[in-house]
Protein backbone atom coordinates (compact mmCIF):
# COMPACT_ATOMS: atom_id res chain seq x y z
CA UNK A 1 92.00 204.22 38.07
CA UNK A 2 91.85 207.80 36.83
CA UNK A 3 89.02 209.20 34.79
CA UNK A 4 91.05 209.32 31.58
CA UNK A 5 92.36 205.79 32.04
CA UNK A 6 88.79 204.49 32.14
CA UNK A 7 87.94 205.87 28.71
CA UNK A 8 87.80 203.24 26.00
CA UNK A 9 89.83 204.73 23.18
CA UNK A 10 88.50 202.76 20.22
CA UNK A 11 87.69 203.73 16.66
CA UNK A 12 85.33 200.82 15.89
CA UNK A 13 83.02 199.98 18.79
CA UNK A 14 83.61 196.52 20.26
CA UNK A 15 79.88 195.81 19.94
CA UNK A 16 80.44 195.60 16.19
CA UNK A 17 83.68 193.60 16.09
CA UNK A 18 82.15 190.14 15.71
CA UNK A 19 79.46 191.34 13.31
CA UNK A 20 82.03 193.02 11.07
CA UNK A 21 84.33 189.98 11.05
CA UNK A 22 81.52 187.52 10.28
CA UNK A 23 80.04 189.83 7.64
CA UNK A 24 83.41 190.31 5.94
CA UNK A 25 83.98 186.54 5.81
CA UNK A 26 80.49 185.90 4.45
CA UNK A 27 80.73 188.61 1.78
CA UNK A 28 84.17 187.39 0.71
CA UNK A 29 82.84 183.85 0.44
CA UNK A 30 79.88 184.94 -1.70
CA UNK A 31 82.06 187.06 -3.97
CA UNK A 32 84.68 184.33 -4.32
CA UNK A 33 81.99 181.81 -5.27
CA UNK A 34 80.66 184.16 -7.95
CA UNK A 35 84.13 184.92 -9.30
CA UNK A 36 85.27 181.31 -9.57
CA UNK A 37 81.88 179.76 -10.28
CA UNK A 38 80.66 181.87 -13.20
CA UNK A 39 82.25 182.43 -16.56
CA UNK A 40 80.45 185.73 -16.98
CA UNK A 41 81.96 188.19 -14.50
CA UNK A 42 79.19 190.79 -14.65
CA UNK A 43 77.23 189.29 -11.68
CA UNK A 44 80.47 189.24 -9.69
CA UNK A 45 81.16 192.92 -10.39
CA UNK A 46 77.61 193.92 -9.46
CA UNK A 47 77.57 191.91 -6.23
CA UNK A 48 81.07 193.03 -5.26
CA UNK A 49 80.09 196.71 -5.55
CA UNK A 50 76.91 196.12 -3.52
CA UNK A 51 78.92 194.14 -0.94
CA UNK A 52 81.45 196.93 -0.57
CA UNK A 53 78.73 199.56 -0.09
CA UNK A 54 76.90 197.44 2.49
CA UNK A 55 80.08 196.73 4.41
CA UNK A 56 81.12 200.38 4.46
CA UNK A 57 77.65 201.27 5.82
CA UNK A 58 78.11 198.71 8.60
CA UNK A 59 81.57 200.07 9.43
CA UNK A 60 80.10 203.57 9.51
CA UNK A 61 77.35 202.40 11.88
CA UNK A 62 79.80 200.90 14.37
CA UNK A 63 82.25 203.80 14.28
CA UNK A 64 83.17 205.14 17.69
CA UNK A 65 84.93 208.53 17.72
CA UNK A 66 87.11 209.43 20.67
CA UNK A 67 85.53 212.42 22.39
CA UNK A 68 86.47 214.35 25.51
CA UNK A 69 84.31 217.05 27.08
CA UNK A 70 86.96 219.68 27.62
CA UNK A 71 85.09 221.89 30.07
CA UNK A 72 83.83 222.01 33.64
CA UNK A 73 81.22 219.26 34.16
CA UNK A 74 79.69 220.63 37.39
CA UNK A 75 75.86 220.74 37.00
CA UNK A 76 76.28 220.13 33.27
CA UNK A 77 74.12 217.67 31.33
CA UNK A 78 75.57 216.58 28.00
CA UNK A 79 73.85 214.82 25.14
CA UNK A 80 74.13 211.05 25.70
CA UNK A 81 73.84 210.40 21.97
CA UNK A 82 74.28 211.76 18.47
CA UNK A 83 70.98 212.63 16.85
CA UNK A 84 68.22 215.22 16.88
CA UNK A 85 66.17 216.72 19.71
CA UNK A 86 62.60 215.48 19.27
CA UNK A 87 61.06 216.16 22.70
CA UNK A 88 61.47 218.91 25.31
CA UNK A 89 58.59 218.80 27.77
CA UNK A 90 57.49 218.18 31.34
CA UNK A 91 56.05 214.69 31.82
CA UNK A 92 54.85 212.44 34.61
CA UNK A 93 57.47 209.69 35.02
CA UNK A 94 55.92 206.54 36.53
CA UNK A 95 58.63 203.86 36.44
CA UNK A 96 61.14 205.30 38.88
CA UNK A 97 60.53 208.86 40.07
CA UNK A 98 56.74 208.77 40.21
CA UNK A 99 56.64 212.54 39.89
CA UNK A 100 56.93 215.26 37.28
CA UNK A 101 60.17 215.57 35.33
CA UNK A 102 61.64 217.51 32.44
CA UNK A 103 62.25 215.11 29.55
CA UNK A 104 64.66 215.78 26.70
CA UNK A 105 64.69 213.13 23.97
CA UNK A 106 67.27 212.52 21.25
CA UNK A 107 66.33 210.46 18.20
CA UNK A 108 69.15 208.51 16.55
CA UNK A 109 68.94 207.61 12.86
CA UNK A 110 70.82 204.67 11.36
CA UNK A 111 73.53 207.06 10.12
CA UNK A 112 74.36 208.40 13.61
CA UNK A 113 77.07 207.17 15.95
CA UNK A 114 75.27 204.66 18.18
CA UNK A 115 77.52 204.66 21.22
CA UNK A 116 75.83 206.30 24.22
CA UNK A 117 77.57 208.42 26.86
CA UNK A 118 76.68 209.20 30.48
CA UNK A 119 74.92 212.57 30.52
CA UNK A 120 76.28 213.60 33.95
CA UNK A 121 79.00 212.80 36.46
CA UNK A 122 77.80 210.92 39.53
CA UNK A 123 77.03 207.60 41.18
CA UNK A 124 74.79 205.00 39.55
CA UNK A 125 71.81 204.42 41.85
CA UNK A 126 69.64 202.14 39.75
CA UNK A 127 69.84 200.10 36.53
CA UNK A 128 66.86 198.30 35.01
CA UNK A 129 65.72 196.73 31.75
CA UNK A 130 62.14 196.39 30.53
CA UNK A 131 61.01 194.15 27.70
CA UNK A 132 58.50 195.73 25.38
CA UNK A 133 57.38 196.51 21.87
CA UNK A 134 59.34 197.86 18.91
CA UNK A 135 57.27 200.79 17.74
CA UNK A 136 58.85 203.68 15.86
CA UNK A 137 61.15 205.39 18.36
CA UNK A 138 59.91 208.93 17.75
CA UNK A 139 56.36 208.10 18.85
CA UNK A 140 55.43 209.40 22.35
CA UNK A 141 54.40 205.93 23.58
CA UNK A 142 57.84 204.52 22.74
CA UNK A 143 59.25 205.86 26.02
CA UNK A 144 56.99 203.60 28.10
CA UNK A 145 55.98 200.76 25.78
CA UNK A 146 59.11 199.90 23.79
CA UNK A 147 62.03 197.72 24.86
CA UNK A 148 64.12 199.98 27.09
CA UNK A 149 66.84 200.26 29.71
CA UNK A 150 67.14 202.93 32.39
CA UNK A 151 70.16 204.24 34.25
CA UNK A 152 69.56 206.50 37.27
CA UNK A 153 72.48 208.69 38.38
CA UNK A 154 72.90 210.87 41.46
CA UNK A 155 75.19 213.83 40.75
CA UNK A 156 77.76 215.15 43.27
CA UNK A 157 75.38 218.07 43.95
CA UNK A 158 72.55 215.71 44.90
CA UNK A 159 70.44 215.90 41.71
CA UNK A 160 68.95 212.68 40.34
CA UNK A 161 69.02 212.18 36.59
CA UNK A 162 67.73 209.27 34.53
CA UNK A 163 68.86 208.25 31.05
CA UNK A 164 66.59 205.81 29.23
CA UNK A 165 67.77 203.90 26.14
CA UNK A 166 64.84 202.97 23.91
CA UNK A 167 64.66 200.42 21.10
CA UNK A 168 62.85 201.32 17.89
CA UNK A 169 61.19 199.67 14.92
CA UNK A 170 64.57 198.52 13.57
CA UNK A 171 66.72 198.54 16.71
CA UNK A 172 66.33 195.23 18.54
CA UNK A 173 69.29 195.23 20.88
CA UNK A 174 70.16 197.60 23.72
CA UNK A 175 73.47 197.25 25.53
CA UNK A 176 73.97 198.97 28.91
CA UNK A 177 77.31 198.98 30.73
CA UNK A 178 76.16 200.70 33.92
CA UNK A 179 76.40 198.85 37.25
CA UNK A 180 74.61 199.99 40.39
CA UNK A 181 76.96 201.60 42.93
CA UNK A 182 79.69 202.53 40.45
CA UNK A 183 80.85 206.06 39.80
CA UNK A 184 80.29 207.31 36.28
CA UNK A 185 81.58 210.28 34.36
CA UNK A 186 80.87 212.33 31.30
CA UNK A 187 83.32 210.97 28.65
CA UNK A 188 82.49 207.34 29.52
CA UNK A 189 80.29 205.04 27.47
CA UNK A 190 76.94 204.21 29.04
CA UNK A 191 75.99 201.69 26.36
CA UNK A 192 75.18 201.07 22.73
CA UNK A 193 71.94 200.78 20.72
CA UNK A 194 72.05 198.84 17.47
CA UNK A 195 70.42 200.17 14.30
CA UNK A 196 68.67 203.37 15.27
CA UNK A 197 66.60 204.44 18.27
CA UNK A 198 66.45 207.18 20.92
CA UNK A 199 67.67 208.20 24.36
CA UNK A 200 65.49 210.10 26.86
CA UNK A 201 66.99 212.14 29.70
CA UNK A 202 64.79 212.92 32.72
CA UNK A 203 65.81 215.98 34.75
CA UNK A 204 64.42 217.88 37.74
CA UNK A 205 61.70 220.37 36.85
CA UNK A 206 63.25 223.85 36.66
CA UNK A 207 66.46 222.67 34.98
CA UNK A 208 67.77 225.17 32.43
CA UNK A 209 67.32 223.81 28.91
CA UNK A 210 70.19 224.63 26.52
CA UNK A 211 68.84 223.09 23.29
CA UNK A 212 65.79 223.54 21.08
CA UNK A 213 63.50 221.26 19.12
CA UNK A 214 65.04 219.85 15.96
CA UNK A 215 68.59 220.75 17.01
CA UNK A 216 71.30 218.26 16.08
CA UNK A 217 73.30 216.88 19.00
CA UNK A 218 76.77 215.41 19.29
CA UNK A 219 77.13 212.81 22.02
CA UNK A 220 79.39 213.88 24.90
CA UNK A 221 79.82 217.33 23.34
CA UNK A 222 76.48 219.17 23.15
CA UNK A 223 75.33 220.68 26.46
CA UNK A 224 71.59 219.98 26.59
CA UNK A 225 70.86 221.38 30.08
CA UNK A 226 72.27 222.93 33.26
CA UNK A 227 71.13 221.74 36.66
CA UNK A 228 70.19 224.44 39.19
């Protein structure tokens, strides 16, 4: 299977399909009951407008734009998520590397695309999930205390990179598609986080940083770093 054939070309992410179908049926049922059950139609009009707004917000949340990184991916690290850069610093990583790493964190609000992409090309060396708390995702402790999943990737050049999906105060479900031993590529979906959170990327110390604090990122498009 070629790289392009593996890309899931979908407009609404499959993680939202069942939720959108069930929500549409429920909202239609409520609005139908109001329309046929009340002589005064004002409550129906109010609820129908609110229902439409809520449903459009849900559709917006589960949108999944088709994106291709149309450039050389060698030693390139792309943003794994839409959002805003909230951390760029060297930290001691204790769950996998047990050494010092450069961490770049992207916070995702509820209005961002919530599909996550692989930040680098390579081979998946480790996948793990940790249960935890649901503190606000932008807090420093969220990286190690919140519900989270990690994906460790070895690049063709021999660098080891980790992407960590982190749940937040609202986000309660992390989906990770990575499987140990598989090859992965920029342009492919790594997973999905429902209802706002963040993704941390851990890189070798000395990696060239290509973003700055507060900068907006576009998943699978924004180059956040270059490996040496």
